[in-house]
Amino acid sequence: MGKVKTFAKECVAELRKVVWPTRDDVLASVKVVVVSTVAVAIVLGLLDVAFTSFMRFVF
């Protein structure tokens, strides 16, 4: 049981060293992720439409 307490204390000590991002940093990162996800989805959707149209034309 002593090892568990030591582990918990060390975890808390390490978490106090962490530099947590600000709210603005988190929001900026979320915006980047959302925009890039939408962009990739649009590109993949257009490629799917193009390949589907090509295959229907060929066959």
Protein backbone atom coordinates (compact mmCIF):
# COMPACT_ATOMS: atom_id res chain seq x y z
CA MET A 1 0.00 0.00 0.00
CA GLY A 2 2.96 2.28 0.61
CA LYS A 3 3.99 2.05 -3.04
CA VAL A 4 0.54 3.21 -4.15
CA LYS A 5 0.72 6.28 -1.90
CA THR A 6 4.21 7.09 -3.15
CA PHE A 7 3.07 6.71 -6.74
CA ALA A 8 0.08 9.01 -6.14
CA LYS A 9 2.27 11.66 -4.49
CA GLU A 10 4.75 11.53 -7.36
CA CYS A 11 1.93 11.84 -9.90
CA VAL A 12 0.59 14.94 -8.14
CA ALA A 13 4.10 16.42 -8.00
CA GLU A 14 4.59 15.87 -11.73
CA LEU A 15 1.18 17.32 -12.59
CA ARG A 16 2.08 20.50 -10.71
CA LYS A 17 5.06 20.92 -13.06
CA VAL A 18 2.87 20.81 -16.16
CA VAL A 19 2.34 24.10 -17.98
CA TRP A 20 -1.33 23.94 -18.89
CA PRO A 21 -2.47 25.75 -22.06
CA THR A 22 -4.59 28.85 -21.77
CA ARG A 23 -8.19 28.91 -22.89
CA ASP A 24 -7.20 30.93 -25.98
CA ASP A 25 -4.54 28.35 -26.90
CA VAL A 26 -7.05 25.52 -26.59
CA LEU A 27 -9.65 27.35 -28.68
CA ALA A 28 -7.08 28.12 -31.37
CA SER A 29 -6.04 24.47 -31.50
CA VAL A 30 -9.66 23.34 -31.71
CA LYS A 31 -10.28 25.74 -34.59
CA VAL A 32 -7.27 24.38 -36.47
CA VAL A 33 -8.42 20.79 -35.96
CA VAL A 34 -12.01 21.52 -37.03
CA VAL A 35 -10.98 23.49 -40.13
CA SER A 36 -8.43 20.89 -41.22
CA THR A 37 -10.93 18.06 -40.63
CA VAL A 38 -13.56 19.80 -42.74
CA ALA A 39 -11.00 20.52 -45.47
CA VAL A 40 -9.86 16.90 -45.62
CA ALA A 41 -13.48 15.70 -45.64
CA ILE A 42 -14.27 18.00 -48.57
CA VAL A 43 -11.21 16.85 -50.53
CA LEU A 44 -11.99 13.18 -49.91
CA GLY A 45 -15.63 13.74 -50.84
CA LEU A 46 -14.65 15.39 -54.11
CA LEU A 47 -12.21 12.58 -54.89
CA ASP A 48 -14.94 10.03 -54.17
CA VAL A 49 -17.35 11.81 -56.50
CA ALA A 50 -14.68 12.07 -59.21
CA PHE A 51 -13.66 8.41 -59.00
CA THR A 52 -17.28 7.26 -58.86
CA SER A 53 -18.14 9.31 -61.94
CA PHE A 54 -15.07 8.00 -63.76
CA MET A 55 -15.94 4.39 -62.94
CA ARG A 56 -19.52 4.84 -64.08
CA PHE A 57 -18.24 6.39 -67.31
CA VAL A 58 -15.81 3.55 -67.96
CA PHE A 59 -18.15 0.71 -67.00
